[in-house]
Amino acid sequence: MKILRNLSVLLTLLIFASCGSSERVITDQGKVYEVNGSKIKMDGVEVTESLSASEKESINALLEEKEKASKVFEKEHKALEDAIAKQQDIQKEAENKQDELEDKLESLENTREEKQDARDNYATIKERYNNKKIEFKKLKKEGELSPNEANKWKEKLSNLKSEVMEAKNKI
């Protein structure tokens, strides 16, 4: 978009530069004059001396109107270009803000999923610990554990308990 804008400005400047030395004026009667400084030509022939003062004034007035219109056009053109640039900046800023908000939303969703996974993991480990604890107490009560096996069970339960505590801390 900036390239297009720069190109249009350059083209406008070139047109004004090429026409800057002489201006074409079309009167109400349909006559076409070319004004170059104080010289007035019609069909390539200088007619400055043959024109009346009122005709010269009329041609100069038309030329001034054309220059005013050109200045108004340039002013409006510049204002529109500035408005377009401002709108593009606003749009870019809005897109950046949207990207930032989408990133925050994604992060929030990831955090929620991680917490849910941590809760599920905690529940699973806690259940496994409780089941093993019940199984150990049952075996101990029935007297089916040797002292060596009882120590292994206590170590397993201790490890499971530390896993439960670790999982609880992640919540």
C-alpha atoms as a PDB file:
ATOM      1  CA  MET A   1       0.000   0.000   0.000  1.00  0.00           C
ATOM      2  CA  LYS A   2       2.869   2.370   0.790  1.00  0.00           C
ATOM      3  CA  ILE A   3       4.432   1.608  -2.582  1.00  0.00           C
ATOM      4  CA  LEU A   4       1.188   2.536  -4.312  1.00  0.00           C
ATOM      5  CA  ARG A   5       0.921   5.738  -2.309  1.00  0.00           C
ATOM      6  CA  ASN A   6       4.542   6.688  -3.013  1.00  0.00           C
ATOM      7  CA  LEU A   7       4.041   5.934  -6.687  1.00  0.00           C
ATOM      8  CA  SER A   8       0.948   8.145  -6.870  1.00  0.00           C
ATOM      9  CA  VAL A   9       2.774  11.021  -5.161  1.00  0.00           C
ATOM     10  CA  LEU A  10       5.728  10.635  -7.521  1.00  0.00           C
ATOM     11  CA  LEU A  11       3.426  10.515 -10.544  1.00  0.00           C
ATOM     12  CA  THR A  12       1.578  13.632  -9.377  1.00  0.00           C
ATOM     13  CA  LEU A  13       4.856  15.479  -8.847  1.00  0.00           C
ATOM     14  CA  LEU A  14       6.088  14.468 -12.295  1.00  0.00           C
ATOM     15  CA  ILE A  15       2.881  15.698 -13.889  1.00  0.00           C
ATOM     16  CA  PHE A  16       3.153  19.018 -12.101  1.00  0.00           C
ATOM     17  CA  ALA A  17       6.834  19.315 -12.929  1.00  0.00           C
ATOM     18  CA  SER A  18       6.251  18.661 -16.612  1.00  0.00           C
ATOM     19  CA  CYS A  19       3.344  21.091 -16.732  1.00  0.00           C
ATOM     20  CA  GLY A  20       4.908  23.580 -14.356  1.00  0.00           C
ATOM     21  CA  SER A  21       6.405  25.737 -17.076  1.00  0.00           C
ATOM     22  CA  SER A  22       3.172  26.173 -19.012  1.00  0.00           C
ATOM     23  CA  GLU A  23      -0.491  25.791 -18.166  1.00  0.00           C
ATOM     24  CA  ARG A  24      -3.421  25.067 -20.434  1.00  0.00           C
ATOM     25  CA  VAL A  25      -6.532  27.157 -19.935  1.00  0.00           C
ATOM     26  CA  ILE A  26      -9.876  26.506 -21.621  1.00  0.00           C
ATOM     27  CA  THR A  27     -12.225  29.473 -21.696  1.00  0.00           C
ATOM     28  CA  ASP A  28     -16.023  29.415 -21.569  1.00  0.00           C
ATOM     29  CA  GLN A  29     -16.077  29.902 -25.344  1.00  0.00           C
ATOM     30  CA  GLY A  30     -14.068  26.653 -25.748  1.00  0.00           C
ATOM     31  CA  LYS A  31     -10.830  28.331 -26.788  1.00  0.00           C
ATOM     32  CA  VAL A  32      -7.676  26.616 -25.538  1.00  0.00           C
ATOM     33  CA  TYR A  33      -4.797  28.845 -24.459  1.00  0.00           C
ATOM     34  CA  GLU A  34      -1.371  27.893 -23.228  1.00  0.00           C
ATOM     35  CA  VAL A  35      -0.024  30.268 -20.588  1.00  0.00           C
ATOM     36  CA  ASN A  36       3.720  30.360 -20.039  1.00  0.00           C
ATOM     37  CA  GLY A  37       4.588  33.056 -17.502  1.00  0.00           C
ATOM     38  CA  SER A  38       3.215  36.255 -19.032  1.00  0.00           C
ATOM     39  CA  LYS A  39       3.027  34.871 -22.586  1.00  0.00           C
ATOM     40  CA  ILE A  40      -0.224  33.453 -23.895  1.00  0.00           C
ATOM     41  CA  LYS A  41      -0.298  31.137 -26.897  1.00  0.00           C
ATOM     42  CA  MET A  42      -3.127  29.659 -28.908  1.00  0.00           C
ATOM     43  CA  ASP A  43      -2.362  26.693 -31.196  1.00  0.00           C
ATOM     44  CA  GLY A  44       1.368  27.327 -30.727  1.00  0.00           C
ATOM     45  CA  VAL A  45       1.120  30.964 -31.861  1.00  0.00           C
ATOM     46  CA  GLU A  46       1.708  33.758 -29.358  1.00  0.00           C
ATOM     47  CA  VAL A  47      -1.441  35.855 -29.017  1.00  0.00           C
ATOM     48  CA  THR A  48      -0.589  37.888 -25.921  1.00  0.00           C
ATOM     49  CA  GLU A  49      -0.576  41.238 -27.771  1.00  0.00           C
ATOM     50  CA  SER A  50      -3.769  40.570 -29.723  1.00  0.00           C
ATOM     51  CA  LEU A  51      -5.865  39.827 -26.617  1.00  0.00           C
ATOM     52  CA  SER A  52      -7.816  42.544 -24.832  1.00  0.00           C
ATOM     53  CA  ALA A  53      -7.142  43.314 -21.180  1.00  0.00           C
ATOM     54  CA  SER A  54     -10.434  41.709 -20.140  1.00  0.00           C
ATOM     55  CA  GLU A  55      -9.567  38.529 -22.051  1.00  0.00           C
ATOM     56  CA  LYS A  56      -6.149  38.442 -20.383  1.00  0.00           C
ATOM     57  CA  GLU A  57      -7.795  38.972 -16.992  1.00  0.00           C
ATOM     58  CA  SER A  58     -10.303  36.234 -17.725  1.00  0.00           C
ATOM     59  CA  ILE A  59      -7.531  33.819 -18.747  1.00  0.00           C
ATOM     60  CA  ASN A  60      -5.467  34.697 -15.648  1.00  0.00           C
ATOM     61  CA  ALA A  61      -8.548  34.297 -13.432  1.00  0.00           C
ATOM     62  CA  LEU A  62      -9.205  30.851 -14.932  1.00  0.00           C
ATOM     63  CA  LEU A  63      -5.542  29.986 -14.388  1.00  0.00           C
ATOM     64  CA  GLU A  64      -5.759  31.090 -10.742  1.00  0.00           C
ATOM     65  CA  GLU A  65      -8.929  29.022 -10.254  1.00  0.00           C
ATOM     66  CA  LYS A  66      -7.160  26.027 -11.760  1.00  0.00           C
ATOM     67  CA  GLU A  67      -4.188  26.520  -9.418  1.00  0.00           C
ATOM     68  CA  LYS A  68      -6.496  26.861  -6.393  1.00  0.00           C
ATOM     69  CA  ALA A  69      -8.349  23.714  -7.412  1.00  0.00           C
ATOM     70  CA  SER A  70      -5.010  21.961  -7.803  1.00  0.00           C
ATOM     71  CA  LYS A  71      -3.931  23.074  -4.325  1.00  0.00           C
ATOM     72  CA  VAL A  72      -7.246  21.919  -2.849  1.00  0.00           C
ATOM     73  CA  PHE A  73      -6.825  18.599  -4.641  1.00  0.00           C
ATOM     74  CA  GLU A  74      -3.294  18.203  -3.280  1.00  0.00           C
ATOM     75  CA  LYS A  75      -4.450  19.086   0.233  1.00  0.00           C
ATOM     76  CA  GLU A  76      -7.322  16.580   0.096  1.00  0.00           C
ATOM     77  CA  HIS A  77      -5.044  13.975  -1.487  1.00  0.00           C
ATOM     78  CA  LYS A  78      -2.518  14.399   1.322  1.00  0.00           C
ATOM     79  CA  ALA A  79      -5.271  14.254   3.963  1.00  0.00           C
ATOM     80  CA  LEU A  80      -6.615  11.024   2.466  1.00  0.00           C
ATOM     81  CA  GLU A  81      -3.145   9.510   2.310  1.00  0.00           C
ATOM     82  CA  ASP A  82      -2.592  10.431   5.949  1.00  0.00           C
ATOM     83  CA  ALA A  83      -5.975   8.965   6.903  1.00  0.00           C
ATOM     84  CA  ILE A  84      -5.139   5.747   5.047  1.00  0.00           C
ATOM     85  CA  ALA A  85      -1.757   5.527   6.772  1.00  0.00           C
ATOM     86  CA  LYS A  86      -3.374   6.156  10.154  1.00  0.00           C
ATOM     87  CA  GLN A  87      -6.024   3.521   9.469  1.00  0.00           C
ATOM     88  CA  GLN A  88      -3.341   1.029   8.459  1.00  0.00           C
ATOM     89  CA  ASP A  89      -1.467   1.738  11.703  1.00  0.00           C
ATOM     90  CA  ILE A  90      -4.657   1.238  13.704  1.00  0.00           C
ATOM     91  CA  GLN A  91      -5.389  -1.988  11.845  1.00  0.00           C
ATOM     92  CA  LYS A  92      -1.853  -3.272  12.397  1.00  0.00           C
ATOM     93  CA  GLU A  93      -2.071  -2.395  16.089  1.00  0.00           C
ATOM     94  CA  ALA A  94      -5.428  -4.179  16.350  1.00  0.00           C
ATOM     95  CA  GLU A  95      -4.009  -7.258  14.642  1.00  0.00           C
ATOM     96  CA  ASN A  96      -1.048  -7.256  17.034  1.00  0.00           C
ATOM     97  CA  LYS A  97      -3.396  -6.908  20.006  1.00  0.00           C
ATOM     98  CA  GLN A  98      -5.554  -9.738  18.672  1.00  0.00           C
ATOM     99  CA  ASP A  99      -2.495 -11.971  18.274  1.00  0.00           C
ATOM    100  CA  GLU A 100      -1.420 -11.108  21.824  1.00  0.00           C
ATOM    101  CA  LEU A 101      -4.872 -11.924  23.201  1.00  0.00           C
ATOM    102  CA  GLU A 102      -5.003 -15.192  21.259  1.00  0.00           C
ATOM    103  CA  ASP A 103      -1.612 -16.133  22.708  1.00  0.00           C
ATOM    104  CA  LYS A 104      -2.850 -15.349  26.224  1.00  0.00           C
ATOM    105  CA  LEU A 105      -5.984 -17.402  25.627  1.00  0.00           C
ATOM    106  CA  GLU A 106      -3.957 -20.344  24.359  1.00  0.00           C
ATOM    107  CA  SER A 107      -1.635 -20.078  27.358  1.00  0.00           C
ATOM    108  CA  LEU A 108      -4.608 -19.968  29.703  1.00  0.00           C
ATOM    109  CA  GLU A 109      -6.145 -23.027  28.066  1.00  0.00           C
ATOM    110  CA  ASN A 110      -2.818 -24.879  28.295  1.00  0.00           C
ATOM    111  CA  THR A 111      -2.552 -23.992  31.981  1.00  0.00           C
ATOM    112  CA  ARG A 112      -6.098 -25.226  32.575  1.00  0.00           C
ATOM    113  CA  GLU A 113      -5.349 -28.499  30.788  1.00  0.00           C
ATOM    114  CA  GLU A 114      -2.110 -28.951  32.771  1.00  0.00           C
ATOM    115  CA  LYS A 115      -3.965 -28.395  36.042  1.00  0.00           C
ATOM    116  CA  GLN A 116      -6.677 -30.851  35.012  1.00  0.00           C
ATOM    117  CA  ASP A 117      -4.027 -33.414  34.075  1.00  0.00           C
ATOM    118  CA  ALA A 118      -2.295 -32.821  37.427  1.00  0.00           C
ATOM    119  CA  ARG A 119      -5.599 -33.379  39.292  1.00  0.00           C
ATOM    120  CA  ASP A 120      -6.298 -36.546  37.317  1.00  0.00           C
ATOM    121  CA  ASN A 121      -2.757 -37.789  37.931  1.00  0.00           C
ATOM    122  CA  TYR A 122      -3.083 -37.031  41.655  1.00  0.00           C
ATOM    123  CA  ALA A 123      -6.375 -38.948  41.862  1.00  0.00           C
ATOM    124  CA  THR A 124      -4.860 -41.953  40.066  1.00  0.00           C
ATOM    125  CA  ILE A 125      -1.728 -42.062  42.248  1.00  0.00           C
ATOM    126  CA  LYS A 126      -3.753 -41.522  45.426  1.00  0.00           C
ATOM    127  CA  GLU A 127      -6.069 -44.391  44.491  1.00  0.00           C
ATOM    128  CA  ARG A 128      -3.119 -46.667  43.707  1.00  0.00           C
ATOM    129  CA  TYR A 129      -1.513 -45.739  47.071  1.00  0.00           C
ATOM    130  CA  ASN A 130      -4.740 -46.453  48.976  1.00  0.00           C
ATOM    131  CA  ASN A 131      -5.243 -49.787  47.195  1.00  0.00           C
ATOM    132  CA  LYS A 132      -1.670 -50.882  47.951  1.00  0.00           C
ATOM    133  CA  LYS A 133      -2.040 -49.734  51.555  1.00  0.00           C
ATOM    134  CA  ILE A 134      -5.228 -51.789  51.927  1.00  0.00           C
ATOM    135  CA  GLU A 135      -3.566 -54.766  50.274  1.00  0.00           C
ATOM    136  CA  PHE A 136      -0.558 -54.454  52.626  1.00  0.00           C
ATOM    137  CA  LYS A 137      -2.776 -54.277  55.714  1.00  0.00           C
ATOM    138  CA  LYS A 138      -4.770 -57.302  54.507  1.00  0.00           C
ATOM    139  CA  LEU A 139      -1.608 -59.356  53.882  1.00  0.00           C
ATOM    140  CA  LYS A 140      -0.147 -58.249  57.218  1.00  0.00           C
ATOM    141  CA  LYS A 141      -3.362 -59.118  59.036  1.00  0.00           C
ATOM    142  CA  GLU A 142      -3.498 -62.556  57.439  1.00  0.00           C
ATOM    143  CA  GLY A 143       0.142 -63.078  58.384  1.00  0.00           C
ATOM    144  CA  GLU A 144       1.258 -63.863  54.845  1.00  0.00           C
ATOM    145  CA  LEU A 145       4.177 -61.408  54.890  1.00  0.00           C
ATOM    146  CA  SER A 146       7.646 -62.283  55.987  1.00  0.00           C
ATOM    147  CA  PRO A 147       9.603 -59.512  57.726  1.00  0.00           C
ATOM    148  CA  ASN A 148      11.648 -59.082  54.542  1.00  0.00           C
ATOM    149  CA  GLU A 149       8.513 -58.742  52.387  1.00  0.00           C
ATOM    150  CA  ALA A 150       6.969 -56.365  54.936  1.00  0.00           C
ATOM    151  CA  ASN A 151      10.002 -54.072  54.605  1.00  0.00           C
ATOM    152  CA  LYS A 152       9.676 -54.160  50.795  1.00  0.00           C
ATOM    153  CA  TRP A 153       5.987 -53.274  51.111  1.00  0.00           C
ATOM    154  CA  LYS A 154       6.761 -50.416  53.482  1.00  0.00           C
ATOM    155  CA  GLU A 155       9.360 -49.089  51.031  1.00  0.00           C
ATOM    156  CA  LYS A 156       6.844 -49.346  48.142  1.00  0.00           C
ATOM    157  CA  LEU A 157       4.227 -47.551  50.230  1.00  0.00           C
ATOM    158  CA  SER A 158       6.739 -44.900  51.220  1.00  0.00           C
ATOM    159  CA  ASN A 159       7.639 -44.322  47.546  1.00  0.00           C
ATOM    160  CA  LEU A 160       3.969 -44.184  46.574  1.00  0.00           C
ATOM    161  CA  LYS A 161       3.269 -41.732  49.404  1.00  0.00           C
ATOM    162  CA  SER A 162       6.055 -39.442  48.180  1.00  0.00           C
ATOM    163  CA  GLU A 163       4.588 -39.680  44.641  1.00  0.00           C
ATOM    164  CA  VAL A 164       1.190 -38.709  46.080  1.00  0.00           C
ATOM    165  CA  MET A 165       2.730 -35.692  47.853  1.00  0.00           C
ATOM    166  CA  GLU A 166       4.570 -34.689  44.675  1.00  0.00           C
ATOM    167  CA  ALA A 167       1.386 -34.933  42.619  1.00  0.00           C
ATOM    168  CA  LYS A 168      -0.524 -32.929  45.226  1.00  0.00           C
ATOM    169  CA  ASN A 169       2.107 -30.177  45.071  1.00  0.00           C
ATOM    170  CA  LYS A 170       1.669 -29.950  41.275  1.00  0.00           C
ATOM    171  CA  ILE A 171      -1.987 -29.150  41.727  1.00  0.00           C
END
